[in-house]
Structures are given as C-alpha cells and as structure tokens.
Amino acid sequence: MKPTKLRPPLEEKDVEKLTAGDIVSVSGRIVTARDKAYARVLSDGKPPLKLLGGIVYHCGPLATKIGRGWKILSAGPTTSARLDGMQKEFVKLSGVRAMIGKGGVGEDVANELAQLGCVYLAYPGGAGVVAAKSIKKVEKVVWPELGTAEAMWVLQVEDFGPLVVAIDSRGKNLYLRPKP
C-alpha cells in the first residue's frame, strides 16, 4: 500500500479524509517547533510566519552550517506530550492542520486537536538520519537565538515519512487502548 501524499498547506478536506492507521508522507514545507518556540508564539500572540494549513514537526534538528546555508544531519522527532499544555492555543493561533512527533499527546489534547481540525502524525523514533535525507532545503531559521534545537526551522521536504496517522480529525486515537 502506497502512502497518501500530503502537500501543505492542507485544507480541511485533506485532513478529514485521513483515518487513524493510514500511512502518509509529506512533500513541501514543514516547520519545526518545540517548547521555547511554542512559548514564544503564545507570548507574542501570533506565529512569526504563516502557518495556516501548515505542518509543525516536533523536532530539534542537528544541523551544521555550510557556507551561507545549513545542512540537517539528523531530524528525529521529540516527545510531543510535553507540549500538551500549549498545544490547543498554539493550533488556534497558527491554524496548523497537522503535527508530527513521537509518543502522541494526552487524551484531552487529542480531542481538542481533532475539534480544531488538526491531525497528529507519528514518526518513528530513532530514525533521525533517515528523516534528514528527506529534507531537501533549509529555507529559513526563525529565532536562532533560542538555540539550534529550539529555533523554528522552515524546511522543504520530499516524501518525508513514513508517518502514521495516530490521531485523526474525528478523534480516533491509536495510542488509546480499546475499552473492554
């Protein structure tokens, strides 16, 4: 089975057709964000760039400067649940339609994301070098003063994945165990 290909910016219809358990890949623009970037977006009351319909990757890449540009050496996902206290407000302010990370989010947060039309895509942990191979270009680094891991990286990716739709827009959550 071939993965469903996603190309941001995503429309509501793009995420509504995804079902928990689907395999997807992403080609186009994604933006990394972790704790400090989330906090800064919430503090400022708006993101520093257009994220409407976008995809945010919970990642602090390992990067090296090459000439006037950057090369991403490793881009493994970070644990998303540690951002739970900020997820709902971040999605409301940014309008993102998908998040990529590992480990899922809390059940309440998963339900809130689904209500906002945002899906959660899981990337396998431990595959940071594989993820980096899908990154074709670093467009921009936002808030570099936060440090390499915490800055927002605007990345162009091609066939980034495989990703599993772990939480869909209807709230189906692969991280929850079925009730007996």
N, C-alpha and C. Protein backbone atom coordinates (compact mmCIF):
# COMPACT_ATOMS: atom_id res chain seq x y z
N MET A 1 0.84 -1.19 0.00
CA MET A 1 0.00 0.00 0.00
C MET A 1 0.88 1.24 0.00
N LYS A 2 0.64 2.12 -0.95
CA LYS A 2 1.40 3.35 -1.05
C LYS A 2 0.88 4.37 -0.04
N PRO A 3 1.80 5.15 0.54
CA PRO A 3 1.34 6.18 1.47
C PRO A 3 0.54 7.27 0.75
N THR A 4 -0.41 7.84 1.46
CA THR A 4 -1.12 9.02 0.97
C THR A 4 -0.12 10.17 1.00
N LYS A 5 -0.06 10.91 -0.07
CA LYS A 5 0.88 12.03 -0.14
C LYS A 5 0.18 13.32 0.29
N LEU A 6 0.76 13.99 1.26
CA LEU A 6 0.24 15.27 1.72
C LEU A 6 1.17 16.37 1.23
N ARG A 7 0.57 17.47 0.81
CA ARG A 7 1.34 18.62 0.35
C ARG A 7 0.75 19.87 0.99
N PRO A 8 1.44 20.43 2.00
CA PRO A 8 0.91 21.64 2.64
C PRO A 8 1.00 22.85 1.71
N PRO A 9 0.12 23.85 1.91
CA PRO A 9 -0.84 23.95 3.01
C PRO A 9 -2.01 22.99 2.81
N LEU A 10 -2.46 22.44 3.93
CA LEU A 10 -3.55 21.47 3.93
C LEU A 10 -4.88 22.19 4.12
N GLU A 11 -5.87 21.69 3.44
CA GLU A 11 -7.24 22.19 3.60
C GLU A 11 -7.96 21.25 4.58
N GLU A 12 -9.09 21.70 5.07
CA GLU A 12 -9.89 20.87 5.97
C GLU A 12 -10.21 19.51 5.33
N LYS A 13 -10.55 19.51 4.05
CA LYS A 13 -10.88 18.27 3.35
C LYS A 13 -9.70 17.30 3.30
N ASP A 14 -8.47 17.84 3.27
CA ASP A 14 -7.28 16.98 3.23
C ASP A 14 -7.13 16.17 4.50
N VAL A 15 -7.42 16.78 5.66
CA VAL A 15 -7.27 16.05 6.92
C VAL A 15 -8.50 15.22 7.24
N GLU A 16 -9.67 15.65 6.76
CA GLU A 16 -10.89 14.88 7.03
C GLU A 16 -10.86 13.50 6.38
N LYS A 17 -10.16 13.36 5.27
CA LYS A 17 -10.11 12.06 4.59
C LYS A 17 -9.11 11.09 5.24
N LEU A 18 -8.30 11.58 6.17
CA LEU A 18 -7.32 10.72 6.84
C LEU A 18 -7.98 9.97 7.99
N THR A 19 -7.60 8.72 8.15
CA THR A 19 -8.12 7.88 9.23
C THR A 19 -6.96 7.34 10.04
N ALA A 20 -7.13 7.28 11.35
CA ALA A 20 -6.09 6.72 12.22
C ALA A 20 -5.65 5.37 11.66
N GLY A 21 -4.34 5.21 11.54
CA GLY A 21 -3.77 3.99 10.98
C GLY A 21 -3.29 4.16 9.55
N ASP A 22 -3.75 5.21 8.86
CA ASP A 22 -3.27 5.47 7.49
C ASP A 22 -1.78 5.80 7.52
N ILE A 23 -1.11 5.44 6.45
CA ILE A 23 0.31 5.79 6.27
C ILE A 23 0.36 6.96 5.29
N VAL A 24 1.12 7.99 5.65
CA VAL A 24 1.23 9.18 4.80
C VAL A 24 2.69 9.58 4.66
N SER A 25 2.95 10.41 3.66
CA SER A 25 4.24 11.08 3.52
C SER A 25 3.94 12.53 3.20
N VAL A 26 4.93 13.39 3.41
CA VAL A 26 4.75 14.81 3.20
C VAL A 26 5.80 15.31 2.23
N SER A 27 5.38 16.13 1.28
CA SER A 27 6.29 16.85 0.39
C SER A 27 5.88 18.31 0.42
N GLY A 28 6.85 19.18 0.61
CA GLY A 28 6.57 20.60 0.70
C GLY A 28 7.18 21.20 1.96
N ARG A 29 6.54 22.22 2.48
CA ARG A 29 7.08 22.99 3.61
C ARG A 29 6.57 22.46 4.94
N ILE A 30 7.50 22.18 5.86
CA ILE A 30 7.16 21.90 7.24
C ILE A 30 8.01 22.81 8.12
N VAL A 31 7.56 23.03 9.33
CA VAL A 31 8.26 23.92 10.26
C VAL A 31 8.44 23.18 11.58
N THR A 32 9.66 23.22 12.12
CA THR A 32 9.90 22.60 13.42
C THR A 32 9.51 23.57 14.53
N ALA A 33 9.07 23.02 15.64
CA ALA A 33 8.78 23.83 16.83
C ALA A 33 8.80 22.93 18.04
N ARG A 34 9.41 23.45 19.10
CA ARG A 34 9.47 22.75 20.38
C ARG A 34 9.06 23.73 21.48
N ASP A 35 9.43 23.40 22.70
CA ASP A 35 8.98 24.14 23.89
C ASP A 35 9.15 25.65 23.80
N LYS A 36 10.36 26.12 23.53
CA LYS A 36 10.61 27.57 23.55
C LYS A 36 9.91 28.29 22.40
N ALA A 37 9.84 27.66 21.24
CA ALA A 37 9.14 28.29 20.11
C ALA A 37 7.65 28.37 20.40
N TYR A 38 7.07 27.29 20.95
CA TYR A 38 5.66 27.31 21.33
C TYR A 38 5.40 28.45 22.32
N ALA A 39 6.22 28.51 23.35
CA ALA A 39 6.04 29.53 24.38
C ALA A 39 6.13 30.94 23.78
N ARG A 40 7.05 31.12 22.85
CA ARG A 40 7.21 32.45 22.25
C ARG A 40 6.02 32.81 21.37
N VAL A 41 5.52 31.85 20.61
CA VAL A 41 4.33 32.11 19.79
C VAL A 41 3.16 32.51 20.70
N LEU A 42 2.98 31.79 21.79
CA LEU A 42 1.88 32.11 22.71
C LEU A 42 2.09 33.46 23.37
N SER A 43 3.32 33.77 23.73
CA SER A 43 3.64 35.05 24.35
C SER A 43 3.40 36.21 23.39
N ASP A 44 3.81 36.04 22.13
CA ASP A 44 3.65 37.08 21.12
C ASP A 44 2.20 37.19 20.63
N GLY A 45 1.42 36.12 20.80
CA GLY A 45 0.04 36.12 20.35
C GLY A 45 -0.13 35.79 18.88
N LYS A 46 0.98 35.44 18.21
CA LYS A 46 0.92 35.05 16.80
C LYS A 46 2.24 34.42 16.40
N PRO A 47 2.19 33.54 15.39
CA PRO A 47 3.44 32.94 14.92
C PRO A 47 4.25 33.95 14.10
N PRO A 48 5.56 33.72 13.98
CA PRO A 48 6.43 34.65 13.26
C PRO A 48 6.36 34.49 11.73
N LEU A 49 5.62 33.48 11.27
CA LEU A 49 5.45 33.24 9.85
C LEU A 49 4.11 32.58 9.63
N LYS A 50 3.68 32.55 8.39
CA LYS A 50 2.36 31.99 8.07
C LYS A 50 2.39 30.47 8.25
N LEU A 51 1.52 29.96 9.12
CA LEU A 51 1.43 28.53 9.36
C LEU A 51 0.05 27.96 9.02
N LEU A 52 -0.85 28.80 8.56
CA LEU A 52 -2.21 28.38 8.25
C LEU A 52 -2.19 27.21 7.27
N GLY A 53 -2.80 26.09 7.69
CA GLY A 53 -2.81 24.89 6.87
C GLY A 53 -1.50 24.13 6.88
N GLY A 54 -0.58 24.57 7.70
CA GLY A 54 0.77 24.01 7.71
C GLY A 54 0.92 22.76 8.56
N ILE A 55 2.14 22.28 8.55
CA ILE A 55 2.52 21.10 9.33
C ILE A 55 3.68 21.49 10.23
N VAL A 56 3.52 21.24 11.53
CA VAL A 56 4.56 21.51 12.50
C VAL A 56 5.15 20.18 12.95
N TYR A 57 6.47 20.14 12.94
CA TYR A 57 7.22 18.94 13.32
C TYR A 57 7.88 19.19 14.67
N HIS A 58 7.54 18.38 15.65
CA HIS A 58 8.16 18.49 16.98
C HIS A 58 9.55 17.87 16.88
N CYS A 59 10.53 18.73 16.65
CA CYS A 59 11.88 18.28 16.34
C CYS A 59 12.86 19.38 16.67
N GLY A 60 14.01 18.98 17.20
CA GLY A 60 15.14 19.88 17.36
C GLY A 60 16.28 19.30 16.55
N PRO A 61 16.42 19.73 15.30
CA PRO A 61 17.37 19.08 14.40
C PRO A 61 18.83 19.30 14.81
N LEU A 62 19.66 18.38 14.36
CA LEU A 62 21.11 18.52 14.47
C LEU A 62 21.55 19.07 13.12
N ALA A 63 22.12 20.27 13.12
CA ALA A 63 22.43 20.94 11.86
C ALA A 63 23.86 21.46 11.88
N THR A 64 24.40 21.62 10.68
CA THR A 64 25.72 22.22 10.54
C THR A 64 25.66 23.31 9.47
N LYS A 65 26.44 24.35 9.70
CA LYS A 65 26.49 25.46 8.76
C LYS A 65 27.40 25.06 7.59
N ILE A 66 26.90 25.28 6.39
CA ILE A 66 27.70 25.02 5.19
C ILE A 66 27.63 26.27 4.33
N GLY A 67 28.75 27.00 4.25
CA GLY A 67 28.74 28.27 3.53
C GLY A 67 27.76 29.21 4.18
N ARG A 68 26.81 29.71 3.39
CA ARG A 68 25.79 30.62 3.94
C ARG A 68 24.50 29.89 4.26
N GLY A 69 24.50 28.56 4.09
CA GLY A 69 23.29 27.79 4.34
C GLY A 69 23.49 26.77 5.45
N TRP A 70 22.53 25.88 5.56
CA TRP A 70 22.53 24.85 6.58
C TRP A 70 22.31 23.47 5.96
N LYS A 71 22.86 22.47 6.62
CA LYS A 71 22.58 21.08 6.27
C LYS A 71 22.08 20.40 7.54
N ILE A 72 20.95 19.72 7.43
CA ILE A 72 20.40 18.98 8.56
C ILE A 72 21.01 17.59 8.54
N LEU A 73 21.67 17.23 9.63
CA LEU A 73 22.33 15.93 9.75
C LEU A 73 21.40 14.87 10.33
N SER A 74 20.56 15.28 11.26
CA SER A 74 19.61 14.38 11.90
C SER A 74 18.39 15.20 12.31
N ALA A 75 17.22 14.60 12.12
CA ALA A 75 15.98 15.33 12.41
C ALA A 75 14.93 14.38 12.99
N GLY A 76 15.30 13.72 14.08
CA GLY A 76 14.35 12.81 14.71
C GLY A 76 13.29 13.56 15.51
N PRO A 77 12.14 12.93 15.69
CA PRO A 77 11.06 13.59 16.43
C PRO A 77 11.35 13.65 17.92
N THR A 78 10.75 14.63 18.57
CA THR A 78 10.82 14.71 20.02
C THR A 78 9.44 14.36 20.58
N THR A 79 9.39 14.09 21.86
CA THR A 79 8.15 13.69 22.52
C THR A 79 7.16 14.85 22.52
N SER A 80 6.01 14.63 21.93
CA SER A 80 5.01 15.68 21.76
C SER A 80 4.23 15.99 23.04
N ALA A 81 4.03 15.00 23.88
CA ALA A 81 3.18 15.18 25.06
C ALA A 81 3.70 16.27 25.99
N ARG A 82 4.98 16.54 25.96
CA ARG A 82 5.50 17.57 26.86
C ARG A 82 5.03 18.97 26.46
N LEU A 83 4.46 19.09 25.26
CA LEU A 83 3.91 20.37 24.80
C LEU A 83 2.41 20.47 25.04
N ASP A 84 1.84 19.46 25.69
CA ASP A 84 0.38 19.39 25.84
C ASP A 84 -0.25 20.65 26.41
N GLY A 85 0.38 21.27 27.36
CA GLY A 85 -0.20 22.46 27.97
C GLY A 85 -0.32 23.64 27.02
N MET A 86 0.36 23.56 25.87
CA MET A 86 0.36 24.67 24.91
C MET A 86 -0.27 24.31 23.57
N GLN A 87 -0.56 23.02 23.33
CA GLN A 87 -0.98 22.56 22.01
C GLN A 87 -2.24 23.26 21.49
N LYS A 88 -3.29 23.29 22.30
CA LYS A 88 -4.57 23.83 21.84
C LYS A 88 -4.43 25.30 21.42
N GLU A 89 -3.81 26.11 22.27
CA GLU A 89 -3.65 27.53 21.96
C GLU A 89 -2.76 27.73 20.74
N PHE A 90 -1.70 26.92 20.65
CA PHE A 90 -0.80 27.02 19.51
C PHE A 90 -1.55 26.76 18.21
N VAL A 91 -2.36 25.70 18.18
CA VAL A 91 -3.13 25.36 16.97
C VAL A 91 -4.13 26.47 16.66
N LYS A 92 -4.80 27.00 17.68
CA LYS A 92 -5.76 28.09 17.46
C LYS A 92 -5.07 29.31 16.84
N LEU A 93 -3.91 29.68 17.38
CA LEU A 93 -3.19 30.86 16.89
C LEU A 93 -2.59 30.66 15.51
N SER A 94 -2.12 29.46 15.23
CA SER A 94 -1.37 29.22 13.99
C SER A 94 -2.22 28.70 12.84
N GLY A 95 -3.27 27.95 13.16
CA GLY A 95 -4.08 27.34 12.11
C GLY A 95 -3.44 26.13 11.45
N VAL A 96 -2.45 25.51 12.12
CA VAL A 96 -1.83 24.32 11.55
C VAL A 96 -2.85 23.20 11.44
N ARG A 97 -2.68 22.34 10.47
CA ARG A 97 -3.60 21.22 10.23
C ARG A 97 -3.02 19.88 10.62
N ALA A 98 -1.70 19.83 10.84
CA ALA A 98 -1.07 18.56 11.22
C ALA A 98 0.15 18.83 12.08
N MET A 99 0.37 17.90 13.00
CA MET A 99 1.57 17.90 13.83
C MET A 99 2.25 16.56 13.66
N ILE A 100 3.57 16.60 13.66
CA ILE A 100 4.36 15.37 13.58
C ILE A 100 5.19 15.29 14.85
N GLY A 101 5.23 14.11 15.44
CA GLY A 101 6.06 13.92 16.63
C GLY A 101 6.13 12.45 16.97
N LYS A 102 6.51 12.20 18.22
CA LYS A 102 6.51 10.81 18.69
C LYS A 102 5.81 10.74 20.03
N GLY A 103 5.24 9.60 20.29
CA GLY A 103 4.65 9.34 21.59
C GLY A 103 3.23 9.82 21.79
N GLY A 104 2.69 10.56 20.85
CA GLY A 104 1.32 11.03 20.99
C GLY A 104 1.18 12.21 21.92
N VAL A 105 -0.07 12.54 22.19
CA VAL A 105 -0.42 13.63 23.11
C VAL A 105 -1.46 13.07 24.08
N GLY A 106 -1.73 13.81 25.14
CA GLY A 106 -2.73 13.38 26.11
C GLY A 106 -4.10 13.24 25.47
N GLU A 107 -4.95 12.43 26.08
CA GLU A 107 -6.28 12.16 25.52
C GLU A 107 -7.10 13.44 25.37
N ASP A 108 -7.07 14.31 26.38
CA ASP A 108 -7.82 15.58 26.29
C ASP A 108 -7.30 16.43 25.14
N VAL A 109 -5.98 16.50 25.01
CA VAL A 109 -5.37 17.30 23.94
C VAL A 109 -5.72 16.70 22.58
N ALA A 110 -5.70 15.38 22.47
CA ALA A 110 -6.05 14.72 21.21
C ALA A 110 -7.46 15.12 20.78
N ASN A 111 -8.38 15.13 21.72
CA ASN A 111 -9.76 15.51 21.41
C ASN A 111 -9.86 16.97 21.00
N GLU A 112 -9.09 17.83 21.68
CA GLU A 112 -9.09 19.26 21.33
C GLU A 112 -8.52 19.48 19.93
N LEU A 113 -7.43 18.78 19.61
CA LEU A 113 -6.83 18.92 18.28
C LEU A 113 -7.82 18.48 17.21
N ALA A 114 -8.50 17.36 17.45
CA ALA A 114 -9.49 16.85 16.49
C ALA A 114 -10.59 17.89 16.27
N GLN A 115 -11.06 18.52 17.33
CA GLN A 115 -12.11 19.54 17.21
C GLN A 115 -11.63 20.74 16.40
N LEU A 116 -10.32 21.00 16.44
CA LEU A 116 -9.76 22.12 15.69
C LEU A 116 -9.37 21.73 14.26
N GLY A 117 -9.61 20.47 13.90
CA GLY A 117 -9.29 20.01 12.54
C GLY A 117 -7.82 19.77 12.31
N CYS A 118 -7.13 19.35 13.37
CA CYS A 118 -5.69 19.09 13.30
C CYS A 118 -5.44 17.61 13.58
N VAL A 119 -4.63 16.96 12.74
CA VAL A 119 -4.29 15.56 12.94
C VAL A 119 -2.89 15.44 13.53
N TYR A 120 -2.64 14.29 14.15
CA TYR A 120 -1.32 14.01 14.72
C TYR A 120 -0.71 12.85 13.94
N LEU A 121 0.46 13.09 13.40
CA LEU A 121 1.19 12.11 12.61
C LEU A 121 2.41 11.65 13.39
N ALA A 122 2.56 10.35 13.54
CA ALA A 122 3.68 9.80 14.30
C ALA A 122 4.81 9.42 13.37
N TYR A 123 6.02 9.85 13.75
CA TYR A 123 7.24 9.47 13.03
C TYR A 123 8.02 8.53 13.93
N PRO A 124 8.61 7.48 13.39
CA PRO A 124 9.33 6.53 14.24
C PRO A 124 10.53 7.18 14.93
N GLY A 125 10.62 6.99 16.24
CA GLY A 125 11.78 7.46 16.98
C GLY A 125 13.02 6.69 16.56
N GLY A 126 14.18 7.31 16.70
CA GLY A 126 15.43 6.64 16.37
C GLY A 126 15.79 6.67 14.90
N ALA A 127 15.01 7.38 14.10
CA ALA A 127 15.25 7.40 12.65
C ALA A 127 15.59 8.81 12.16
N GLY A 128 16.30 9.58 13.00
CA GLY A 128 16.61 10.96 12.67
C GLY A 128 17.44 11.15 11.42
N VAL A 129 18.38 10.24 11.17
CA VAL A 129 19.21 10.34 9.97
C VAL A 129 18.38 10.06 8.73
N VAL A 130 17.46 9.10 8.82
CA VAL A 130 16.56 8.81 7.71
C VAL A 130 15.68 10.03 7.43
N ALA A 131 15.16 10.65 8.47
CA ALA A 131 14.33 11.85 8.31
C ALA A 131 15.12 12.95 7.60
N ALA A 132 16.37 13.13 7.99
CA ALA A 132 17.20 14.19 7.41
C ALA A 132 17.38 14.01 5.90
N LYS A 133 17.37 12.78 5.43
CA LYS A 133 17.54 12.52 4.00
C LYS A 133 16.38 13.06 3.18
N SER A 134 15.22 13.22 3.80
CA SER A 134 14.05 13.76 3.09
C SER A 134 14.03 15.28 3.08
N ILE A 135 14.93 15.90 3.83
CA ILE A 135 14.98 17.37 3.89
C ILE A 135 15.84 17.86 2.74
N LYS A 136 15.22 18.54 1.81
CA LYS A 136 15.91 18.99 0.60
C LYS A 136 16.52 20.38 0.75
N LYS A 137 15.94 21.19 1.66
CA LYS A 137 16.43 22.56 1.79
C LYS A 137 15.99 23.17 3.12
N VAL A 138 16.88 23.93 3.72
CA VAL A 138 16.52 24.77 4.86
C VAL A 138 16.21 26.14 4.28
N GLU A 139 14.94 26.54 4.34
CA GLU A 139 14.53 27.84 3.80
C GLU A 139 14.94 28.98 4.72
N LYS A 140 14.81 28.72 6.03
CA LYS A 140 14.97 29.81 6.97
C LYS A 140 15.07 29.26 8.38
N VAL A 141 15.76 29.98 9.25
CA VAL A 141 15.80 29.66 10.67
C VAL A 141 15.21 30.87 11.39
N VAL A 142 14.12 30.65 12.12
CA VAL A 142 13.44 31.71 12.85
C VAL A 142 13.82 31.60 14.33
N TRP A 143 14.14 32.72 14.94
CA TRP A 143 14.54 32.79 16.34
C TRP A 143 15.78 31.94 16.63
N PRO A 144 16.87 32.13 15.88
CA PRO A 144 18.09 31.35 16.13
C PRO A 144 18.66 31.58 17.53
N GLU A 145 18.29 32.70 18.14
CA GLU A 145 18.77 32.98 19.50
C GLU A 145 18.24 31.98 20.53
N LEU A 146 17.21 31.22 20.16
CA LEU A 146 16.69 30.18 21.07
C LEU A 146 17.60 28.95 21.10
N GLY A 147 18.53 28.88 20.17
CA GLY A 147 19.43 27.73 20.08
C GLY A 147 18.99 26.83 18.94
N THR A 148 19.91 26.01 18.47
CA THR A 148 19.65 25.15 17.32
C THR A 148 18.44 24.25 17.52
N ALA A 149 18.35 23.62 18.67
CA ALA A 149 17.25 22.68 18.91
C ALA A 149 15.90 23.39 19.07
N GLU A 150 15.89 24.59 19.62
CA GLU A 150 14.64 25.27 19.94
C GLU A 150 14.18 26.29 18.89
N ALA A 151 15.06 26.68 17.98
CA ALA A 151 14.66 27.60 16.92
C ALA A 151 13.60 26.94 16.05
N MET A 152 12.88 27.73 15.30
CA MET A 152 11.95 27.19 14.31
C MET A 152 12.70 27.09 12.99
N TRP A 153 12.70 25.90 12.42
CA TRP A 153 13.35 25.64 11.15
C TRP A 153 12.28 25.48 10.08
N VAL A 154 12.40 26.24 9.02
CA VAL A 154 11.46 26.14 7.90
C VAL A 154 12.16 25.25 6.86
N LEU A 155 11.57 24.09 6.62
CA LEU A 155 12.21 23.06 5.81
C LEU A 155 11.37 22.70 4.59
N GLN A 156 12.03 22.43 3.49
CA GLN A 156 11.40 21.85 2.32
C GLN A 156 11.73 20.36 2.34
N VAL A 157 10.70 19.53 2.34
CA VAL A 157 10.91 18.09 2.41
C VAL A 157 10.28 17.41 1.19
N GLU A 158 10.78 16.21 0.90
CA GLU A 158 10.23 15.41 -0.19
C GLU A 158 10.04 13.99 0.31
N ASP A 159 8.82 13.49 0.20
CA ASP A 159 8.48 12.14 0.66
C ASP A 159 8.95 11.90 2.09
N PHE A 160 8.66 12.86 2.96
CA PHE A 160 9.02 12.76 4.37
C PHE A 160 8.10 11.74 5.03
N GLY A 161 8.68 10.68 5.54
CA GLY A 161 7.90 9.63 6.17
C GLY A 161 8.63 8.31 6.06
N PRO A 162 7.96 7.23 6.33
CA PRO A 162 6.53 7.10 6.50
C PRO A 162 6.05 7.63 7.85
N LEU A 163 4.88 8.22 7.81
CA LEU A 163 4.22 8.73 9.00
C LEU A 163 2.91 7.96 9.17
N VAL A 164 2.53 7.73 10.42
CA VAL A 164 1.27 7.06 10.71
C VAL A 164 0.30 8.10 11.25
N VAL A 165 -0.91 8.13 10.70
CA VAL A 165 -1.94 8.99 11.28
C VAL A 165 -2.32 8.34 12.60
N ALA A 166 -1.83 8.92 13.69
CA ALA A 166 -2.06 8.34 15.02
C ALA A 166 -3.32 8.89 15.67
N ILE A 167 -3.67 10.14 15.33
CA ILE A 167 -4.90 10.75 15.83
C ILE A 167 -5.53 11.47 14.64
N ASP A 168 -6.74 11.06 14.28
CA ASP A 168 -7.38 11.68 13.12
C ASP A 168 -8.31 12.82 13.55
N SER A 169 -8.91 13.47 12.56
CA SER A 169 -9.74 14.64 12.85
C SER A 169 -11.08 14.30 13.47
N ARG A 170 -11.38 13.02 13.61
CA ARG A 170 -12.60 12.59 14.31
C ARG A 170 -12.29 12.16 15.74
N GLY A 171 -11.00 12.23 16.10
CA GLY A 171 -10.61 11.89 17.46
C GLY A 171 -10.19 10.45 17.67
N LYS A 172 -10.21 9.63 16.60
CA LYS A 172 -9.74 8.25 16.75
C LYS A 172 -8.24 8.31 17.04
N ASN A 173 -7.85 7.59 18.10
CA ASN A 173 -6.51 7.75 18.66
C ASN A 173 -5.86 6.36 18.81
N LEU A 174 -4.82 6.09 18.04
CA LEU A 174 -4.14 4.80 18.10
C LEU A 174 -3.43 4.57 19.44
N TYR A 175 -3.19 5.63 20.18
CA TYR A 175 -2.50 5.48 21.47
C TYR A 175 -3.42 5.03 22.58
N LEU A 176 -4.74 5.06 22.35
CA LEU A 176 -5.68 4.62 23.38
C LEU A 176 -5.97 3.15 23.20
N ARG A 177 -6.03 2.47 24.29
CA ARG A 177 -6.40 1.05 24.24
C ARG A 177 -7.91 0.93 24.17
N PRO A 178 -8.38 0.01 23.34
CA PRO A 178 -9.84 -0.18 23.28
C PRO A 178 -10.40 -0.56 24.62
N LYS A 179 -11.56 -0.05 24.94
CA LYS A 179 -12.20 -0.38 26.22
C LYS A 179 -12.85 -1.76 26.09
N PRO A 180 -12.68 -2.60 27.12
CA PRO A 180 -13.25 -3.96 27.05
C PRO A 180 -14.76 -3.94 27.07
